């Protein structure tokens, strides 16, 4: 029962719901690669921190990180379009500019990697990780802003909120100064 209430709390709180979205995006982006990086047999290499780190890094050196970045750019652009009423124009502009610039940079990096066969410079890969982090932060901000409005809730929740307001107004004698 407490597990269900914990999940319900996350679903009902805008910030925690947004943090959960970003958390699951990171887990499902890097989790499988981290698991693939662990050598299971002697033929795969030593089971050491440096081997696992080198294996993990090798999965991203030919521009493969561009794929999750492109997906995140699409998610940010979609969030900006779908929730444009809940977001201010500055955030929408920042979302579109960031998504377009990083999508273009990823396309260029992918073209230079020649189908993941040509390794990129480590500085380019690090820039990709930093760009991914910046995009995650932007997605978190946009998601919190989009999820925090009462008018953005589902129809059942909105109906319950309106019924509560009506009930409060009736208790006060029909007058609601805050409305």
N, C-alpha and C. Protein backbone atom coordinates (compact mmCIF):
# COMPACT_ATOMS: atom_id res chain seq x y z
N UNK A 1 0.82 -1.19 0.00
CA UNK A 1 0.00 0.00 0.00
C UNK A 1 0.87 1.26 0.00
N UNK A 2 1.97 1.22 0.77
CA UNK A 2 2.83 2.40 0.81
C UNK A 2 3.54 2.63 -0.51
N UNK A 3 3.83 1.54 -1.26
CA UNK A 3 4.44 1.70 -2.57
C UNK A 3 3.51 2.41 -3.53
N UNK A 4 2.23 2.08 -3.45
CA UNK A 4 1.26 2.73 -4.32
C UNK A 4 1.12 4.20 -3.96
N UNK A 5 1.11 4.52 -2.68
CA UNK A 5 0.97 5.91 -2.28
C UNK A 5 2.21 6.72 -2.67
N UNK A 6 3.37 6.08 -2.64
CA UNK A 6 4.59 6.77 -3.08
C UNK A 6 4.51 7.11 -4.57
N UNK A 7 4.07 6.15 -5.37
CA UNK A 7 3.93 6.40 -6.80
C UNK A 7 2.85 7.45 -7.05
N UNK A 8 1.77 7.39 -6.30
CA UNK A 8 0.70 8.38 -6.45
C UNK A 8 1.21 9.78 -6.12
N UNK A 9 2.05 9.89 -5.07
CA UNK A 9 2.61 11.19 -4.71
C UNK A 9 3.47 11.73 -5.85
N UNK A 10 4.24 10.87 -6.47
CA UNK A 10 5.07 11.30 -7.60
C UNK A 10 4.20 11.76 -8.75
N UNK A 11 3.13 11.03 -9.03
CA UNK A 11 2.24 11.37 -10.14
C UNK A 11 1.52 12.69 -9.90
N UNK A 12 1.23 13.02 -8.67
CA UNK A 12 0.44 14.21 -8.37
C UNK A 12 1.29 15.46 -8.16
N UNK A 13 2.58 15.32 -8.00
CA UNK A 13 3.45 16.47 -7.75
C UNK A 13 4.24 16.78 -9.02
N UNK A 14 4.12 17.99 -9.51
CA UNK A 14 4.71 18.37 -10.80
C UNK A 14 6.23 18.20 -10.83
N UNK A 15 6.90 18.61 -9.78
CA UNK A 15 8.36 18.53 -9.78
C UNK A 15 8.83 17.09 -9.74
N UNK A 16 8.24 16.29 -8.83
CA UNK A 16 8.66 14.89 -8.73
C UNK A 16 8.31 14.10 -9.97
N UNK A 17 7.19 14.42 -10.60
CA UNK A 17 6.83 13.74 -11.85
C UNK A 17 7.86 14.06 -12.93
N UNK A 18 8.29 15.30 -13.00
CA UNK A 18 9.29 15.70 -13.99
C UNK A 18 10.64 15.07 -13.70
N UNK A 19 11.02 15.02 -12.43
CA UNK A 19 12.28 14.37 -12.05
C UNK A 19 12.24 12.89 -12.42
N UNK A 20 11.09 12.26 -12.21
CA UNK A 20 10.95 10.85 -12.57
C UNK A 20 11.10 10.65 -14.08
N UNK A 21 10.53 11.55 -14.88
CA UNK A 21 10.67 11.46 -16.33
C UNK A 21 12.14 11.52 -16.74
N UNK A 22 12.86 12.47 -16.20
CA UNK A 22 14.28 12.63 -16.53
C UNK A 22 15.08 11.43 -16.02
N UNK A 23 14.79 10.97 -14.81
CA UNK A 23 15.48 9.82 -14.25
C UNK A 23 15.34 8.60 -15.15
N UNK A 24 14.12 8.30 -15.58
CA UNK A 24 13.91 7.13 -16.42
C UNK A 24 14.54 7.30 -17.79
N UNK A 25 14.59 8.52 -18.30
CA UNK A 25 15.27 8.75 -19.58
C UNK A 25 16.76 8.43 -19.46
N UNK A 26 17.38 8.85 -18.37
CA UNK A 26 18.81 8.59 -18.16
C UNK A 26 19.05 7.09 -17.95
N UNK A 27 18.22 6.46 -17.14
CA UNK A 27 18.39 5.03 -16.85
C UNK A 27 18.27 4.21 -18.13
N UNK A 28 17.28 4.53 -18.96
CA UNK A 28 17.08 3.74 -20.16
C UNK A 28 18.02 4.14 -21.30
N UNK A 29 18.73 5.25 -21.16
CA UNK A 29 19.75 5.61 -22.14
C UNK A 29 21.08 4.95 -21.79
N UNK A 30 21.49 5.09 -20.54
CA UNK A 30 22.83 4.63 -20.15
C UNK A 30 22.84 3.28 -19.45
N UNK A 31 21.73 2.84 -18.89
CA UNK A 31 21.68 1.57 -18.17
C UNK A 31 22.07 0.37 -19.02
N UNK A 32 21.43 0.18 -20.17
CA UNK A 32 21.81 -0.98 -20.99
C UNK A 32 23.27 -0.95 -21.43
N UNK A 33 23.79 0.22 -21.75
CA UNK A 33 25.20 0.32 -22.16
C UNK A 33 26.11 0.01 -20.98
N UNK A 34 25.73 0.47 -19.79
CA UNK A 34 26.53 0.16 -18.60
C UNK A 34 26.56 -1.34 -18.35
N UNK A 35 25.43 -2.00 -18.53
CA UNK A 35 25.40 -3.45 -18.34
C UNK A 35 26.23 -4.17 -19.41
N UNK A 36 26.18 -3.68 -20.65
CA UNK A 36 26.98 -4.27 -21.71
C UNK A 36 28.48 -4.05 -21.49
N UNK A 37 28.83 -3.06 -20.71
CA UNK A 37 30.24 -2.73 -20.46
C UNK A 37 30.90 -3.65 -19.47
N UNK A 38 30.13 -4.40 -18.72
CA UNK A 38 30.69 -5.29 -17.71
C UNK A 38 31.14 -6.58 -18.38
N UNK A 39 32.44 -6.88 -18.31
CA UNK A 39 32.92 -8.14 -18.89
C UNK A 39 32.46 -9.33 -18.05
N UNK A 40 31.93 -10.34 -18.72
CA UNK A 40 31.41 -11.51 -18.00
C UNK A 40 32.36 -12.70 -18.04
N UNK A 41 33.28 -12.72 -19.01
CA UNK A 41 34.22 -13.84 -19.12
C UNK A 41 35.63 -13.28 -19.25
N UNK A 42 36.60 -14.16 -19.12
CA UNK A 42 38.00 -13.75 -19.26
C UNK A 42 38.30 -13.26 -20.67
N UNK A 43 37.59 -13.77 -21.67
CA UNK A 43 37.80 -13.32 -23.04
C UNK A 43 37.32 -11.89 -23.26
N UNK A 44 36.42 -11.43 -22.38
CA UNK A 44 35.92 -10.06 -22.49
C UNK A 44 36.86 -9.05 -21.85
N UNK A 45 37.79 -9.52 -21.05
CA UNK A 45 38.71 -8.63 -20.35
C UNK A 45 38.58 -8.80 -18.85
N UNK A 46 39.42 -8.07 -18.12
CA UNK A 46 39.40 -8.12 -16.65
C UNK A 46 38.14 -7.46 -16.12
N UNK A 47 37.69 -7.95 -15.00
CA UNK A 47 36.58 -7.31 -14.31
C UNK A 47 37.16 -6.26 -13.38
N UNK A 48 37.49 -5.11 -13.95
CA UNK A 48 38.06 -4.02 -13.18
C UNK A 48 37.37 -2.72 -13.57
N UNK A 49 37.57 -1.74 -12.72
CA UNK A 49 36.93 -0.44 -12.95
C UNK A 49 37.39 0.17 -14.27
N UNK A 50 38.66 0.07 -14.58
CA UNK A 50 39.17 0.68 -15.82
C UNK A 50 38.64 -0.05 -17.06
N UNK A 51 38.51 -1.36 -17.00
CA UNK A 51 37.98 -2.11 -18.14
C UNK A 51 36.52 -1.75 -18.39
N UNK A 52 35.74 -1.71 -17.32
CA UNK A 52 34.33 -1.34 -17.46
C UNK A 52 34.22 0.09 -18.00
N UNK A 53 35.03 1.00 -17.49
CA UNK A 53 35.02 2.39 -17.97
C UNK A 53 35.41 2.49 -19.43
N UNK A 54 36.47 1.76 -19.82
CA UNK A 54 36.89 1.78 -21.22
C UNK A 54 35.83 1.18 -22.13
N UNK A 55 35.22 0.09 -21.68
CA UNK A 55 34.15 -0.52 -22.48
C UNK A 55 32.97 0.44 -22.64
N UNK A 56 32.59 1.10 -21.54
CA UNK A 56 31.48 2.05 -21.59
C UNK A 56 31.80 3.19 -22.54
N UNK A 57 33.01 3.73 -22.42
CA UNK A 57 33.42 4.85 -23.28
C UNK A 57 33.43 4.42 -24.75
N UNK A 58 33.84 3.19 -25.03
CA UNK A 58 33.95 2.73 -26.42
C UNK A 58 32.60 2.68 -27.12
N UNK A 59 31.53 2.56 -26.36
CA UNK A 59 30.20 2.54 -26.98
C UNK A 59 29.79 3.92 -27.50
N UNK A 60 30.45 4.97 -27.08
CA UNK A 60 30.04 6.32 -27.47
C UNK A 60 31.04 7.02 -28.37
N UNK A 61 32.21 6.45 -28.61
CA UNK A 61 33.28 7.17 -29.30
C UNK A 61 33.03 7.42 -30.79
N UNK A 62 32.13 6.69 -31.40
CA UNK A 62 31.89 6.90 -32.83
C UNK A 62 30.62 7.68 -33.10
N UNK A 63 30.15 8.42 -32.11
CA UNK A 63 29.00 9.28 -32.33
C UNK A 63 27.66 8.68 -31.94
N UNK A 64 27.66 7.53 -31.28
CA UNK A 64 26.41 6.90 -30.90
C UNK A 64 25.59 7.73 -29.91
N UNK A 65 26.27 8.60 -29.16
CA UNK A 65 25.56 9.47 -28.22
C UNK A 65 24.64 10.45 -28.94
N UNK A 66 24.90 10.66 -30.22
CA UNK A 66 24.04 11.56 -30.99
C UNK A 66 22.61 11.05 -31.07
N UNK A 67 22.43 9.75 -31.03
CA UNK A 67 21.08 9.19 -31.14
C UNK A 67 20.20 9.54 -29.94
N UNK A 68 20.65 9.34 -28.68
CA UNK A 68 19.81 9.80 -27.57
C UNK A 68 19.64 11.32 -27.53
N UNK A 69 20.66 12.05 -27.97
CA UNK A 69 20.53 13.51 -28.01
C UNK A 69 19.46 13.91 -29.02
N UNK A 70 19.45 13.28 -30.18
CA UNK A 70 18.42 13.58 -31.18
C UNK A 70 17.03 13.25 -30.65
N UNK A 71 16.91 12.12 -29.95
CA UNK A 71 15.62 11.77 -29.36
C UNK A 71 15.18 12.78 -28.32
N UNK A 72 16.12 13.25 -27.52
CA UNK A 72 15.80 14.25 -26.50
C UNK A 72 15.45 15.59 -27.14
N UNK A 73 16.11 15.94 -28.24
CA UNK A 73 15.75 17.16 -28.97
C UNK A 73 14.31 17.08 -29.46
N UNK A 74 13.93 15.92 -29.97
CA UNK A 74 12.56 15.72 -30.42
C UNK A 74 11.57 15.81 -29.27
N UNK A 75 11.92 15.24 -28.13
CA UNK A 75 11.04 15.30 -26.96
C UNK A 75 10.87 16.73 -26.47
N UNK A 76 11.94 17.50 -26.48
CA UNK A 76 11.87 18.89 -26.04
C UNK A 76 11.04 19.71 -27.00
N UNK A 77 11.23 19.52 -28.30
CA UNK A 77 10.44 20.25 -29.28
C UNK A 77 8.96 19.89 -29.15
N UNK A 78 8.67 18.61 -28.95
CA UNK A 78 7.27 18.18 -28.79
C UNK A 78 6.67 18.77 -27.51
N UNK A 79 7.43 18.79 -26.44
CA UNK A 79 6.96 19.36 -25.18
C UNK A 79 6.65 20.85 -25.35
N UNK A 80 7.50 21.55 -26.09
CA UNK A 80 7.28 22.97 -26.33
C UNK A 80 6.03 23.22 -27.18
N UNK A 81 5.76 22.36 -28.13
CA UNK A 81 4.59 22.53 -28.99
C UNK A 81 3.31 22.15 -28.27
N UNK A 82 3.31 20.99 -27.64
CA UNK A 82 2.10 20.47 -27.01
C UNK A 82 1.68 21.31 -25.80
N UNK A 83 2.65 21.84 -25.08
CA UNK A 83 2.35 22.60 -23.86
C UNK A 83 2.63 24.09 -24.03
N UNK A 84 2.44 24.62 -25.22
CA UNK A 84 2.79 26.01 -25.47
C UNK A 84 1.96 26.98 -24.63
N UNK A 85 0.73 26.60 -24.26
CA UNK A 85 -0.10 27.49 -23.44
C UNK A 85 0.43 27.59 -22.01
N UNK A 86 1.07 26.53 -21.53
CA UNK A 86 1.56 26.52 -20.15
C UNK A 86 2.97 27.10 -20.02
N UNK A 87 3.65 27.32 -21.13
CA UNK A 87 5.03 27.80 -21.11
C UNK A 87 5.08 29.24 -21.61
N UNK A 88 6.06 29.99 -21.09
CA UNK A 88 6.21 31.35 -21.61
C UNK A 88 7.02 31.33 -22.90
N UNK A 89 6.95 32.40 -23.63
CA UNK A 89 7.60 32.46 -24.95
C UNK A 89 9.11 32.30 -24.89
N UNK A 90 9.72 32.80 -23.82
CA UNK A 90 11.17 32.68 -23.69
C UNK A 90 11.61 31.22 -23.58
N UNK A 91 10.88 30.45 -22.81
CA UNK A 91 11.21 29.02 -22.68
C UNK A 91 10.96 28.27 -23.98
N UNK A 92 9.90 28.62 -24.67
CA UNK A 92 9.62 27.97 -25.94
C UNK A 92 10.72 28.29 -26.95
N UNK A 93 11.13 29.54 -26.99
CA UNK A 93 12.22 29.94 -27.89
C UNK A 93 13.51 29.21 -27.54
N UNK A 94 13.84 29.16 -26.24
CA UNK A 94 15.05 28.46 -25.79
C UNK A 94 14.98 26.98 -26.15
N UNK A 95 13.81 26.38 -25.98
CA UNK A 95 13.65 24.96 -26.31
C UNK A 95 13.89 24.73 -27.80
N UNK A 96 13.28 25.54 -28.64
CA UNK A 96 13.43 25.35 -30.09
C UNK A 96 14.86 25.61 -30.55
N UNK A 97 15.47 26.67 -30.06
CA UNK A 97 16.85 26.99 -30.47
C UNK A 97 17.79 25.88 -30.02
N UNK A 98 17.66 25.45 -28.77
CA UNK A 98 18.53 24.38 -28.26
C UNK A 98 18.34 23.10 -29.04
N UNK A 99 17.08 22.73 -29.28
CA UNK A 99 16.80 21.49 -30.00
C UNK A 99 17.32 21.55 -31.43
N UNK A 100 17.11 22.66 -32.11
CA UNK A 100 17.58 22.77 -33.50
C UNK A 100 19.09 22.82 -33.60
N UNK A 101 19.74 23.58 -32.71
CA UNK A 101 21.20 23.68 -32.77
C UNK A 101 21.86 22.33 -32.45
N UNK A 102 21.40 21.67 -31.39
CA UNK A 102 22.03 20.40 -31.03
C UNK A 102 21.67 19.28 -31.99
N UNK A 103 20.48 19.32 -32.56
CA UNK A 103 20.13 18.33 -33.59
C UNK A 103 21.02 18.51 -34.82
N UNK A 104 21.27 19.75 -35.18
CA UNK A 104 22.17 20.02 -36.32
C UNK A 104 23.59 19.57 -36.01
N UNK A 105 24.06 19.85 -34.79
CA UNK A 105 25.41 19.43 -34.40
C UNK A 105 25.52 17.91 -34.39
N UNK A 106 24.48 17.24 -33.93
CA UNK A 106 24.49 15.77 -33.92
C UNK A 106 24.48 15.22 -35.34
N UNK A 107 23.71 15.84 -36.21
CA UNK A 107 23.70 15.41 -37.60
C UNK A 107 25.07 15.57 -38.24
N UNK A 108 25.73 16.66 -37.94
CA UNK A 108 27.08 16.88 -38.48
C UNK A 108 28.06 15.85 -37.93
N UNK A 109 27.98 15.58 -36.61
CA UNK A 109 28.86 14.59 -36.00
C UNK A 109 28.61 13.20 -36.58
N UNK A 110 27.36 12.88 -36.81
CA UNK A 110 27.04 11.58 -37.40
C UNK A 110 27.57 11.47 -38.82
N UNK A 111 27.51 12.57 -39.57
CA UNK A 111 28.04 12.53 -40.94
C UNK A 111 29.55 12.34 -40.93
N UNK A 112 30.23 12.91 -39.95
CA UNK A 112 31.67 12.77 -39.86
C UNK A 112 32.10 11.40 -39.34
N UNK A 113 31.21 10.72 -38.60
CA UNK A 113 31.57 9.39 -38.10
C UNK A 113 31.36 8.32 -39.17
N UNK A 114 30.78 8.69 -40.29
CA UNK A 114 30.57 7.80 -41.44
C UNK A 114 29.91 6.49 -41.02
N UNK A 115 28.72 6.64 -40.43
CA UNK A 115 27.97 5.46 -40.03
C UNK A 115 28.56 4.74 -38.84
N UNK A 116 29.07 5.46 -37.89
CA UNK A 116 29.67 4.94 -36.65
C UNK A 116 30.95 4.14 -36.90
N UNK A 117 31.59 4.34 -38.04
CA UNK A 117 32.83 3.62 -38.31
C UNK A 117 34.06 4.46 -37.98
N UNK A 118 33.93 5.76 -38.02
CA UNK A 118 35.05 6.67 -37.75
C UNK A 118 34.90 7.22 -36.34
N UNK A 119 35.93 7.05 -35.52
CA UNK A 119 35.89 7.57 -34.15
C UNK A 119 35.97 9.08 -34.12
N UNK A 120 35.23 9.68 -33.20
CA UNK A 120 35.28 11.13 -33.01
C UNK A 120 36.32 11.46 -31.95
N UNK A 121 36.76 12.71 -31.93
CA UNK A 121 37.69 13.15 -30.90
C UNK A 121 37.03 13.05 -29.53
N UNK A 122 37.81 12.71 -28.50
CA UNK A 122 37.23 12.61 -27.15
C UNK A 122 36.56 13.91 -26.69
N UNK A 123 37.09 15.06 -27.13
CA UNK A 123 36.48 16.34 -26.76
C UNK A 123 35.07 16.47 -27.33
N UNK A 124 34.85 15.93 -28.52
CA UNK A 124 33.53 15.97 -29.14
C UNK A 124 32.57 15.07 -28.36
N UNK A 125 33.05 13.92 -27.95
CA UNK A 125 32.21 13.00 -27.18
C UNK A 125 31.86 13.62 -25.82
N UNK A 126 32.85 14.25 -25.17
CA UNK A 126 32.56 14.92 -23.91
C UNK A 126 31.57 16.05 -24.09
N UNK A 127 31.70 16.79 -25.18
CA UNK A 127 30.73 17.84 -25.48
C UNK A 127 29.33 17.22 -25.62
N UNK A 128 29.26 16.04 -26.21
CA UNK A 128 27.97 15.35 -26.34
C UNK A 128 27.37 15.01 -24.99
N UNK A 129 28.20 14.54 -24.06
CA UNK A 129 27.70 14.24 -22.72
C UNK A 129 27.22 15.51 -22.02
N UNK A 130 27.97 16.59 -22.17
CA UNK A 130 27.57 17.86 -21.55
C UNK A 130 26.28 18.37 -22.20
N UNK A 131 26.20 18.28 -23.52
CA UNK A 131 24.98 18.71 -24.22
C UNK A 131 23.78 17.87 -23.78
N UNK A 132 23.98 16.57 -23.59
CA UNK A 132 22.91 15.70 -23.13
C UNK A 132 22.44 16.14 -21.75
N UNK A 133 23.38 16.45 -20.87
CA UNK A 133 23.03 16.93 -19.53
C UNK A 133 22.27 18.25 -19.57
N UNK A 134 22.72 19.17 -20.42
CA UNK A 134 22.03 20.45 -20.55
C UNK A 134 20.60 20.24 -21.08
N UNK A 135 20.46 19.36 -22.07
CA UNK A 135 19.13 19.08 -22.59
C UNK A 135 18.23 18.42 -21.54
N UNK A 136 18.79 17.54 -20.72
CA UNK A 136 18.00 16.95 -19.63
C UNK A 136 17.52 18.01 -18.66
N UNK A 137 18.40 18.96 -18.33
CA UNK A 137 18.02 20.04 -17.42
C UNK A 137 16.93 20.90 -18.05
N UNK A 138 17.07 21.22 -19.34
CA UNK A 138 16.04 22.01 -20.03
C UNK A 138 14.72 21.25 -20.06
N UNK A 139 14.78 19.95 -20.32
CA UNK A 139 13.57 19.13 -20.33
C UNK A 139 12.91 19.13 -18.95
N UNK A 140 13.72 19.06 -17.89
CA UNK A 140 13.20 19.09 -16.54
C UNK A 140 12.47 20.41 -16.28
N UNK A 141 13.08 21.52 -16.64
CA UNK A 141 12.47 22.84 -16.44
C UNK A 141 11.16 22.95 -17.22
N UNK A 142 11.19 22.55 -18.50
CA UNK A 142 9.98 22.63 -19.33
C UNK A 142 8.89 21.73 -18.77
N UNK A 143 9.26 20.55 -18.35
CA UNK A 143 8.28 19.60 -17.83
C UNK A 143 7.66 20.10 -16.53
N UNK A 144 8.47 20.67 -15.64
CA UNK A 144 7.94 21.20 -14.39
C UNK A 144 6.95 22.33 -14.69
N UNK A 145 7.34 23.23 -15.58
CA UNK A 145 6.45 24.35 -15.94
C UNK A 145 5.16 23.85 -16.57
N UNK A 146 5.27 22.87 -17.44
CA UNK A 146 4.08 22.35 -18.14
C UNK A 146 3.18 21.58 -17.20
N UNK A 147 3.77 20.86 -16.24
CA UNK A 147 2.98 20.03 -15.33
C UNK A 147 2.43 20.78 -14.13
N UNK A 148 2.89 21.99 -13.88
CA UNK A 148 2.51 22.68 -12.65
C UNK A 148 1.18 23.41 -12.75
N UNK A 149 0.63 23.60 -13.93
CA UNK A 149 -0.63 24.32 -14.06
C UNK A 149 -1.83 23.44 -13.75
N UNK A 150 -2.80 23.98 -13.03
CA UNK A 150 -4.01 23.24 -12.69
C UNK A 150 -4.80 22.91 -13.94
N UNK A 151 -4.83 23.84 -14.89
CA UNK A 151 -5.61 23.62 -16.10
C UNK A 151 -5.03 22.54 -16.99
N UNK A 152 -3.84 22.06 -16.69
CA UNK A 152 -3.21 21.04 -17.50
C UNK A 152 -3.49 19.62 -16.97
N UNK A 153 -4.26 19.50 -15.88
CA UNK A 153 -4.54 18.18 -15.33
C UNK A 153 -5.55 17.46 -16.21
N UNK A 154 -5.74 16.19 -15.95
CA UNK A 154 -6.70 15.44 -16.74
C UNK A 154 -8.11 15.87 -16.36
N UNK A 155 -9.11 15.58 -17.18
CA UNK A 155 -10.46 16.09 -16.93
C UNK A 155 -11.05 15.65 -15.59
N UNK A 156 -10.79 14.43 -15.16
CA UNK A 156 -11.34 13.98 -13.88
C UNK A 156 -10.77 14.78 -12.72
N UNK A 157 -9.45 15.00 -12.73
CA UNK A 157 -8.83 15.78 -11.66
C UNK A 157 -9.33 17.22 -11.69
N UNK A 158 -9.47 17.77 -12.88
CA UNK A 158 -9.96 19.15 -13.01
C UNK A 158 -11.40 19.25 -12.49
N UNK A 159 -12.22 18.25 -12.78
CA UNK A 159 -13.60 18.26 -12.28
C UNK A 159 -13.62 18.22 -10.76
N UNK A 160 -12.75 17.41 -10.17
CA UNK A 160 -12.68 17.35 -8.71
C UNK A 160 -12.26 18.68 -8.11
N UNK A 161 -11.30 19.35 -8.74
CA UNK A 161 -10.85 20.66 -8.25
C UNK A 161 -12.00 21.66 -8.34
N UNK A 162 -12.72 21.66 -9.44
CA UNK A 162 -13.84 22.60 -9.60
C UNK A 162 -14.95 22.31 -8.59
N UNK A 163 -15.22 21.03 -8.33
CA UNK A 163 -16.24 20.70 -7.33
C UNK A 163 -15.81 21.14 -5.94
N UNK A 164 -14.54 21.01 -5.61
CA UNK A 164 -14.05 21.48 -4.31
C UNK A 164 -14.20 22.99 -4.18
N UNK A 165 -13.88 23.71 -5.26
CA UNK A 165 -14.04 25.17 -5.24
C UNK A 165 -15.50 25.56 -5.05
N UNK A 166 -16.39 24.87 -5.74
CA UNK A 166 -17.82 25.15 -5.62
C UNK A 166 -18.28 24.88 -4.20
N UNK A 167 -17.85 23.78 -3.61
CA UNK A 167 -18.22 23.43 -2.25
C UNK A 167 -17.72 24.50 -1.27
N UNK A 168 -16.50 24.98 -1.45
CA UNK A 168 -15.94 26.03 -0.60
C UNK A 168 -16.73 27.31 -0.74
N UNK A 169 -17.15 27.64 -1.95
CA UNK A 169 -17.94 28.85 -2.17
C UNK A 169 -19.30 28.75 -1.47
N UNK A 170 -19.91 27.58 -1.51
CA UNK A 170 -21.21 27.40 -0.85
C UNK A 170 -21.07 27.50 0.66
N UNK A 171 -19.94 27.01 1.21
CA UNK A 171 -19.69 27.11 2.64
C UNK A 171 -19.52 28.57 3.08
N UNK A 172 -18.97 29.38 2.20
CA UNK A 172 -18.71 30.78 2.52
C UNK A 172 -19.92 31.65 2.24
N UNK A 173 -21.00 31.07 1.85
CA UNK A 173 -22.21 31.86 1.60
C UNK A 173 -22.31 32.32 0.15
N UNK A 174 -21.65 31.61 -0.74
CA UNK A 174 -21.78 31.96 -2.15
C UNK A 174 -20.79 32.98 -2.64
N UNK A 175 -19.93 33.46 -1.77
CA UNK A 175 -18.98 34.49 -2.19
C UNK A 175 -17.57 33.90 -2.13
N UNK A 176 -16.82 34.17 -3.16
CA UNK A 176 -15.43 33.72 -3.20
C UNK A 176 -14.60 34.89 -3.68
N UNK A 177 -13.95 35.57 -2.75
CA UNK A 177 -13.18 36.76 -3.10
C UNK A 177 -11.92 36.46 -3.88
N UNK A 178 -11.41 35.23 -3.78
CA UNK A 178 -10.16 34.90 -4.47
C UNK A 178 -10.37 34.65 -5.94
N UNK A 179 -11.60 34.40 -6.36
CA UNK A 179 -11.86 34.07 -7.77
C UNK A 179 -12.04 35.31 -8.59
